[in-house]
N, C-alpha and C. Protein backbone atom coordinates (compact mmCIF):
# COMPACT_ATOMS: atom_id res chain seq x y z
N MET A 1 39.49 33.26 26.47
CA MET A 1 40.66 33.94 25.97
C MET A 1 40.26 34.87 24.85
N ALA A 2 40.86 36.03 24.88
CA ALA A 2 40.61 37.01 23.83
C ALA A 2 41.57 36.76 22.69
N SER A 3 41.08 36.87 21.49
CA SER A 3 41.91 36.67 20.30
C SER A 3 42.52 37.99 19.90
N THR A 4 43.82 37.99 19.66
CA THR A 4 44.50 39.21 19.24
C THR A 4 45.08 39.01 17.85
N LYS A 5 44.23 38.81 16.90
CA LYS A 5 44.68 38.61 15.52
C LYS A 5 44.83 39.96 14.85
N GLY A 6 45.97 40.14 14.22
CA GLY A 6 46.21 41.35 13.45
C GLY A 6 45.68 41.17 12.05
N PRO A 7 45.86 42.19 11.20
CA PRO A 7 45.36 42.09 9.83
C PRO A 7 46.05 40.98 9.02
N LEU A 8 47.33 40.71 9.29
CA LEU A 8 48.01 39.65 8.55
C LEU A 8 47.48 38.28 8.94
N GLN A 9 47.23 38.07 10.20
CA GLN A 9 46.72 36.80 10.65
C GLN A 9 45.30 36.57 10.14
N ALA A 10 44.53 37.61 10.08
CA ALA A 10 43.16 37.47 9.58
C ALA A 10 43.18 37.09 8.10
N ALA A 11 44.09 37.69 7.34
CA ALA A 11 44.18 37.38 5.92
C ALA A 11 44.60 35.92 5.72
N ASP A 12 45.53 35.44 6.53
CA ASP A 12 45.97 34.06 6.42
C ASP A 12 44.85 33.09 6.76
N SER A 13 44.02 33.44 7.72
CA SER A 13 42.97 32.52 8.14
C SER A 13 41.86 32.42 7.09
N ASP A 14 41.77 33.38 6.18
CA ASP A 14 40.76 33.34 5.13
C ASP A 14 41.10 32.34 4.03
N VAL A 15 42.37 31.94 3.93
CA VAL A 15 42.80 31.03 2.88
C VAL A 15 42.56 29.59 3.34
N HIS A 16 41.77 28.88 2.55
CA HIS A 16 41.49 27.48 2.87
C HIS A 16 42.26 26.60 1.89
N ILE A 17 43.09 25.73 2.43
CA ILE A 17 43.90 24.84 1.60
C ILE A 17 43.32 23.44 1.69
N THR A 18 42.88 22.93 0.55
CA THR A 18 42.34 21.57 0.52
C THR A 18 43.48 20.56 0.41
N PHE A 19 43.16 19.30 0.61
CA PHE A 19 44.15 18.24 0.47
C PHE A 19 44.74 18.24 -0.94
N GLU A 20 43.88 18.44 -1.94
CA GLU A 20 44.33 18.49 -3.34
C GLU A 20 45.30 19.64 -3.55
N ASP A 21 44.98 20.81 -2.97
CA ASP A 21 45.87 21.96 -3.09
C ASP A 21 47.23 21.66 -2.46
N GLN A 22 47.22 21.03 -1.30
CA GLN A 22 48.48 20.71 -0.62
C GLN A 22 49.29 19.72 -1.46
N GLN A 23 48.61 18.77 -2.10
CA GLN A 23 49.30 17.83 -2.97
C GLN A 23 49.97 18.56 -4.13
N LYS A 24 49.29 19.55 -4.69
CA LYS A 24 49.86 20.32 -5.80
C LYS A 24 51.05 21.16 -5.33
N ILE A 25 50.94 21.73 -4.15
CA ILE A 25 52.06 22.50 -3.60
C ILE A 25 53.26 21.58 -3.38
N ASN A 26 53.01 20.39 -2.84
CA ASN A 26 54.09 19.43 -2.62
C ASN A 26 54.71 18.98 -3.94
N LYS A 27 53.88 18.75 -4.94
CA LYS A 27 54.39 18.34 -6.25
C LYS A 27 55.25 19.45 -6.84
N PHE A 28 54.80 20.70 -6.70
CA PHE A 28 55.59 21.82 -7.20
C PHE A 28 56.95 21.86 -6.51
N ALA A 29 56.98 21.65 -5.21
CA ALA A 29 58.24 21.66 -4.46
C ALA A 29 59.17 20.54 -4.94
N ARG A 30 58.62 19.36 -5.17
CA ARG A 30 59.44 18.24 -5.66
C ARG A 30 59.99 18.54 -7.05
N LEU A 31 59.15 19.10 -7.92
CA LEU A 31 59.60 19.45 -9.26
C LEU A 31 60.68 20.53 -9.21
N ASN A 32 60.50 21.48 -8.31
CA ASN A 32 61.50 22.55 -8.17
C ASN A 32 62.85 21.96 -7.74
N ALA A 33 62.82 21.01 -6.82
CA ALA A 33 64.06 20.36 -6.38
C ALA A 33 64.68 19.57 -7.53
N LYS A 34 63.84 18.95 -8.34
CA LYS A 34 64.35 18.19 -9.49
C LYS A 34 65.02 19.11 -10.50
N VAL A 35 64.42 20.27 -10.74
CA VAL A 35 65.02 21.24 -11.67
C VAL A 35 66.39 21.68 -11.16
N GLU A 36 66.49 21.93 -9.87
CA GLU A 36 67.77 22.34 -9.30
C GLU A 36 68.81 21.23 -9.46
N ASP A 37 68.40 19.98 -9.25
CA ASP A 37 69.32 18.85 -9.44
C ASP A 37 69.76 18.74 -10.90
N LEU A 38 68.82 18.94 -11.81
CA LEU A 38 69.15 18.88 -13.24
C LEU A 38 70.11 20.01 -13.62
N LYS A 39 69.90 21.20 -13.06
CA LYS A 39 70.81 22.33 -13.34
C LYS A 39 72.22 22.00 -12.89
N GLU A 40 72.34 21.39 -11.72
CA GLU A 40 73.67 21.01 -11.22
C GLU A 40 74.31 19.96 -12.11
N GLU A 41 73.51 18.99 -12.54
CA GLU A 41 74.04 17.93 -13.40
C GLU A 41 74.47 18.50 -14.75
N ILE A 42 73.69 19.42 -15.30
CA ILE A 42 74.05 20.07 -16.56
C ILE A 42 75.35 20.84 -16.40
N LYS A 43 75.47 21.56 -15.30
CA LYS A 43 76.69 22.33 -15.04
C LYS A 43 77.90 21.40 -14.98
N GLN A 44 77.77 20.26 -14.31
CA GLN A 44 78.86 19.29 -14.21
C GLN A 44 79.22 18.73 -15.58
N LYS A 45 78.21 18.39 -16.37
CA LYS A 45 78.47 17.84 -17.71
C LYS A 45 79.14 18.88 -18.60
N GLU A 46 78.73 20.16 -18.47
CA GLU A 46 79.37 21.22 -19.25
C GLU A 46 80.83 21.39 -18.85
N ASN A 47 81.13 21.24 -17.56
CA ASN A 47 82.52 21.28 -17.11
C ASN A 47 83.31 20.10 -17.67
N ASP A 48 82.69 18.93 -17.69
CA ASP A 48 83.33 17.75 -18.26
C ASP A 48 83.62 17.96 -19.75
N LEU A 49 82.66 18.55 -20.45
CA LEU A 49 82.83 18.82 -21.89
C LEU A 49 83.99 19.78 -22.11
N LYS A 50 84.08 20.80 -21.29
CA LYS A 50 85.17 21.78 -21.40
C LYS A 50 86.52 21.08 -21.18
N SER A 51 86.58 20.17 -20.21
CA SER A 51 87.81 19.43 -19.95
C SER A 51 88.18 18.55 -21.14
N LEU A 52 87.20 17.91 -21.75
CA LEU A 52 87.46 17.08 -22.93
C LEU A 52 87.98 17.93 -24.10
N GLU A 53 87.38 19.10 -24.28
CA GLU A 53 87.84 20.00 -25.35
C GLU A 53 89.26 20.47 -25.09
N ASP A 54 89.57 20.78 -23.84
CA ASP A 54 90.93 21.18 -23.49
C ASP A 54 91.92 20.04 -23.75
N ALA A 55 91.53 18.81 -23.42
CA ALA A 55 92.38 17.66 -23.67
C ALA A 55 92.64 17.49 -25.17
N CYS A 56 91.60 17.67 -25.98
CA CYS A 56 91.77 17.57 -27.44
C CYS A 56 92.75 18.62 -27.95
N ASP A 57 92.67 19.81 -27.41
CA ASP A 57 93.58 20.89 -27.82
C ASP A 57 95.02 20.58 -27.41
N GLU A 58 95.21 20.00 -26.25
CA GLU A 58 96.55 19.68 -25.75
C GLU A 58 97.19 18.54 -26.53
N ILE A 59 96.41 17.57 -26.95
CA ILE A 59 96.95 16.41 -27.67
C ILE A 59 97.56 16.83 -29.00
N VAL A 60 97.00 17.85 -29.62
CA VAL A 60 97.51 18.31 -30.90
C VAL A 60 98.98 18.75 -30.79
N LEU A 61 99.37 19.20 -29.62
CA LEU A 61 100.73 19.71 -29.41
C LEU A 61 101.76 18.60 -29.19
N LEU A 62 101.33 17.37 -29.01
CA LEU A 62 102.25 16.26 -28.70
C LEU A 62 102.83 15.64 -29.97
N ASP A 63 103.95 14.92 -29.80
CA ASP A 63 104.56 14.20 -30.91
C ASP A 63 103.68 13.01 -31.30
N ASP A 64 103.75 12.62 -32.58
CA ASP A 64 102.90 11.53 -33.08
C ASP A 64 103.22 10.17 -32.47
N ASP A 65 104.45 9.96 -32.04
CA ASP A 65 104.84 8.65 -31.51
C ASP A 65 104.70 8.54 -30.00
N GLU A 66 104.19 9.55 -29.37
CA GLU A 66 104.08 9.56 -27.91
C GLU A 66 102.87 8.74 -27.45
N GLN A 67 103.06 7.99 -26.38
CA GLN A 67 101.97 7.22 -25.78
C GLN A 67 101.28 8.08 -24.72
N ILE A 68 99.95 8.08 -24.73
CA ILE A 68 99.17 8.94 -23.84
C ILE A 68 98.42 8.09 -22.84
N PRO A 69 98.52 8.41 -21.54
CA PRO A 69 97.72 7.68 -20.56
C PRO A 69 96.25 8.13 -20.67
N TYR A 70 95.36 7.18 -20.80
CA TYR A 70 93.93 7.47 -20.95
C TYR A 70 93.19 6.70 -19.87
N LEU A 71 92.41 7.42 -19.08
CA LEU A 71 91.71 6.81 -17.95
C LEU A 71 90.47 6.05 -18.44
N VAL A 72 90.45 4.76 -18.13
CA VAL A 72 89.29 3.91 -18.43
C VAL A 72 88.88 3.26 -17.13
N GLY A 73 87.73 3.67 -16.60
CA GLY A 73 87.30 3.15 -15.31
C GLY A 73 88.21 3.65 -14.21
N GLU A 74 88.95 2.74 -13.61
CA GLU A 74 89.85 3.10 -12.52
C GLU A 74 91.32 2.94 -12.89
N VAL A 75 91.60 2.60 -14.15
CA VAL A 75 92.99 2.39 -14.57
C VAL A 75 93.32 3.24 -15.79
N PHE A 76 94.60 3.53 -15.94
CA PHE A 76 95.08 4.23 -17.12
C PHE A 76 95.60 3.20 -18.12
N ILE A 77 95.24 3.41 -19.37
CA ILE A 77 95.83 2.62 -20.44
C ILE A 77 96.63 3.58 -21.31
N TYR A 78 97.69 3.07 -21.92
CA TYR A 78 98.51 3.90 -22.80
C TYR A 78 98.13 3.58 -24.23
N GLN A 79 97.87 4.64 -24.99
CA GLN A 79 97.51 4.46 -26.39
C GLN A 79 98.10 5.60 -27.21
N ASP A 80 98.13 5.40 -28.53
CA ASP A 80 98.72 6.43 -29.38
C ASP A 80 97.77 7.63 -29.53
N ILE A 81 98.28 8.66 -30.14
CA ILE A 81 97.54 9.93 -30.23
C ILE A 81 96.23 9.77 -31.02
N GLN A 82 96.29 9.06 -32.15
CA GLN A 82 95.09 8.93 -32.98
C GLN A 82 93.97 8.21 -32.22
N LYS A 83 94.32 7.13 -31.56
CA LYS A 83 93.30 6.39 -30.82
C LYS A 83 92.75 7.24 -29.67
N THR A 84 93.61 7.99 -29.00
CA THR A 84 93.18 8.86 -27.91
C THR A 84 92.24 9.95 -28.43
N GLN A 85 92.57 10.51 -29.59
CA GLN A 85 91.70 11.55 -30.17
C GLN A 85 90.32 10.98 -30.50
N VAL A 86 90.28 9.76 -31.01
CA VAL A 86 89.00 9.11 -31.32
C VAL A 86 88.20 8.92 -30.03
N CYS A 87 88.86 8.44 -28.98
CA CYS A 87 88.19 8.23 -27.69
C CYS A 87 87.65 9.54 -27.12
N LEU A 88 88.45 10.60 -27.23
CA LEU A 88 88.02 11.90 -26.72
C LEU A 88 86.82 12.44 -27.51
N GLU A 89 86.86 12.28 -28.82
CA GLU A 89 85.74 12.73 -29.66
C GLU A 89 84.46 11.97 -29.31
N GLU A 90 84.57 10.67 -29.10
CA GLU A 90 83.40 9.87 -28.71
C GLU A 90 82.87 10.34 -27.35
N SER A 91 83.77 10.61 -26.42
CA SER A 91 83.36 11.10 -25.10
C SER A 91 82.68 12.46 -25.21
N LYS A 92 83.21 13.32 -26.08
CA LYS A 92 82.59 14.64 -26.29
C LYS A 92 81.18 14.49 -26.84
N ARG A 93 81.01 13.62 -27.86
CA ARG A 93 79.67 13.42 -28.44
C ARG A 93 78.69 12.89 -27.41
N LYS A 94 79.15 11.93 -26.60
CA LYS A 94 78.27 11.36 -25.57
C LYS A 94 77.90 12.43 -24.54
N THR A 95 78.85 13.23 -24.14
CA THR A 95 78.59 14.28 -23.15
C THR A 95 77.63 15.32 -23.72
N GLU A 96 77.82 15.70 -24.99
CA GLU A 96 76.91 16.66 -25.62
C GLU A 96 75.49 16.10 -25.70
N THR A 97 75.37 14.81 -26.00
CA THR A 97 74.06 14.16 -26.04
C THR A 97 73.42 14.14 -24.65
N ASP A 98 74.24 13.85 -23.64
CA ASP A 98 73.74 13.85 -22.26
C ASP A 98 73.24 15.23 -21.86
N ILE A 99 73.99 16.27 -22.22
CA ILE A 99 73.60 17.64 -21.88
C ILE A 99 72.27 17.99 -22.56
N ALA A 100 72.14 17.64 -23.83
CA ALA A 100 70.90 17.93 -24.55
C ALA A 100 69.72 17.21 -23.91
N GLY A 101 69.92 15.96 -23.51
CA GLY A 101 68.85 15.20 -22.85
C GLY A 101 68.46 15.81 -21.52
N LEU A 102 69.45 16.24 -20.74
CA LEU A 102 69.16 16.86 -19.44
C LEU A 102 68.42 18.19 -19.63
N LYS A 103 68.82 18.97 -20.62
CA LYS A 103 68.14 20.24 -20.88
C LYS A 103 66.69 20.01 -21.32
N CYS A 104 66.47 18.97 -22.10
CA CYS A 104 65.11 18.63 -22.54
C CYS A 104 64.27 18.21 -21.33
N LYS A 105 64.84 17.39 -20.47
CA LYS A 105 64.13 16.94 -19.27
C LYS A 105 63.81 18.13 -18.36
N ALA A 106 64.77 19.05 -18.22
CA ALA A 106 64.55 20.24 -17.39
C ALA A 106 63.43 21.10 -17.97
N ALA A 107 63.38 21.22 -19.29
CA ALA A 107 62.30 22.00 -19.92
C ALA A 107 60.94 21.37 -19.67
N GLU A 108 60.87 20.04 -19.72
CA GLU A 108 59.61 19.35 -19.45
C GLU A 108 59.15 19.59 -18.01
N VAL A 109 60.09 19.51 -17.08
CA VAL A 109 59.75 19.72 -15.67
C VAL A 109 59.31 21.16 -15.45
N LYS A 110 59.99 22.11 -16.09
CA LYS A 110 59.62 23.52 -15.95
C LYS A 110 58.22 23.78 -16.51
N GLU A 111 57.86 23.06 -17.56
CA GLU A 111 56.51 23.21 -18.13
C GLU A 111 55.46 22.71 -17.14
N LEU A 112 55.72 21.57 -16.50
CA LEU A 112 54.81 21.07 -15.47
C LEU A 112 54.70 22.07 -14.32
N MET A 113 55.84 22.64 -13.94
CA MET A 113 55.85 23.62 -12.86
C MET A 113 55.04 24.86 -13.24
N SER A 114 55.14 25.26 -14.49
CA SER A 114 54.41 26.43 -14.96
C SER A 114 52.90 26.21 -14.86
N ASP A 115 52.45 25.01 -15.22
CA ASP A 115 51.03 24.69 -15.12
C ASP A 115 50.57 24.73 -13.65
N LEU A 116 51.37 24.12 -12.77
CA LEU A 116 51.03 24.14 -11.34
C LEU A 116 51.05 25.56 -10.79
N LYS A 117 52.03 26.33 -11.22
CA LYS A 117 52.16 27.71 -10.74
C LYS A 117 50.93 28.52 -11.14
N SER A 118 50.47 28.34 -12.37
CA SER A 118 49.28 29.06 -12.83
C SER A 118 48.07 28.72 -11.97
N TYR A 119 47.90 27.43 -11.71
CA TYR A 119 46.77 26.99 -10.89
C TYR A 119 46.87 27.57 -9.48
N LEU A 120 48.04 27.42 -8.88
CA LEU A 120 48.21 27.84 -7.48
C LEU A 120 48.10 29.35 -7.32
N TYR A 121 48.70 30.11 -8.22
CA TYR A 121 48.56 31.57 -8.14
C TYR A 121 47.12 31.99 -8.41
N GLY A 122 46.45 31.27 -9.32
CA GLY A 122 45.04 31.56 -9.59
C GLY A 122 44.18 31.35 -8.37
N LYS A 123 44.49 30.34 -7.58
CA LYS A 123 43.68 30.03 -6.41
C LYS A 123 44.08 30.87 -5.19
N PHE A 124 45.39 31.05 -4.98
CA PHE A 124 45.86 31.70 -3.75
C PHE A 124 46.37 33.12 -3.95
N GLY A 125 46.57 33.54 -5.17
CA GLY A 125 47.02 34.90 -5.43
C GLY A 125 48.31 35.23 -4.71
N SER A 126 48.33 36.35 -4.01
CA SER A 126 49.55 36.81 -3.34
C SER A 126 49.79 36.09 -2.01
N ASN A 127 48.91 35.19 -1.63
CA ASN A 127 49.09 34.45 -0.38
C ASN A 127 50.10 33.31 -0.52
N ILE A 128 50.61 33.10 -1.73
CA ILE A 128 51.59 32.03 -1.95
C ILE A 128 52.73 32.59 -2.78
N ASN A 129 53.94 32.16 -2.47
CA ASN A 129 55.11 32.59 -3.22
C ASN A 129 55.80 31.36 -3.78
N LEU A 130 55.81 31.25 -5.10
CA LEU A 130 56.41 30.09 -5.76
C LEU A 130 57.66 30.47 -6.54
N GLU A 131 58.10 31.70 -6.39
CA GLU A 131 59.28 32.16 -7.11
C GLU A 131 60.55 31.75 -6.38
N ALA A 132 61.55 31.31 -7.12
CA ALA A 132 62.83 30.91 -6.52
C ALA A 132 63.59 32.17 -6.11
N ASP A 133 64.29 32.08 -5.00
CA ASP A 133 65.14 33.19 -4.56
C ASP A 133 66.37 33.21 -5.43
N GLU A 134 66.62 34.34 -6.09
CA GLU A 134 67.80 34.49 -6.94
C GLU A 134 68.97 34.88 -6.06
N GLU A 135 70.08 34.19 -6.27
CA GLU A 135 71.27 34.48 -5.46
C GLU A 135 72.26 35.31 -6.21
């Protein structure tokens, strides 16, 4: 059989991928997926924080003697405005702490990805694309 390799196929055949290289490519892919998951989780937590801030703003408009339904687990409990404000502030602080932790974790993962990216681009040059598609 005659081989009909074009210039692109010839260039691809010149690249030799070792088992170690494949492991690094796989690790990069897993880290990239983790970063995307963390971004989604951060986005959700930021939405939760915005909802808590909106709730705090709305409570200010209510009468002092009004009972407010507050969701705890799967049930609503009724409590006064001051207690509800304290609960909302605690929830806001916890959510802000969670967001900061997720952002820190995402930065650590991105740093690992940067190291892998440097190695892989150094070895494979333009034969590998590790950039995320921007939507």
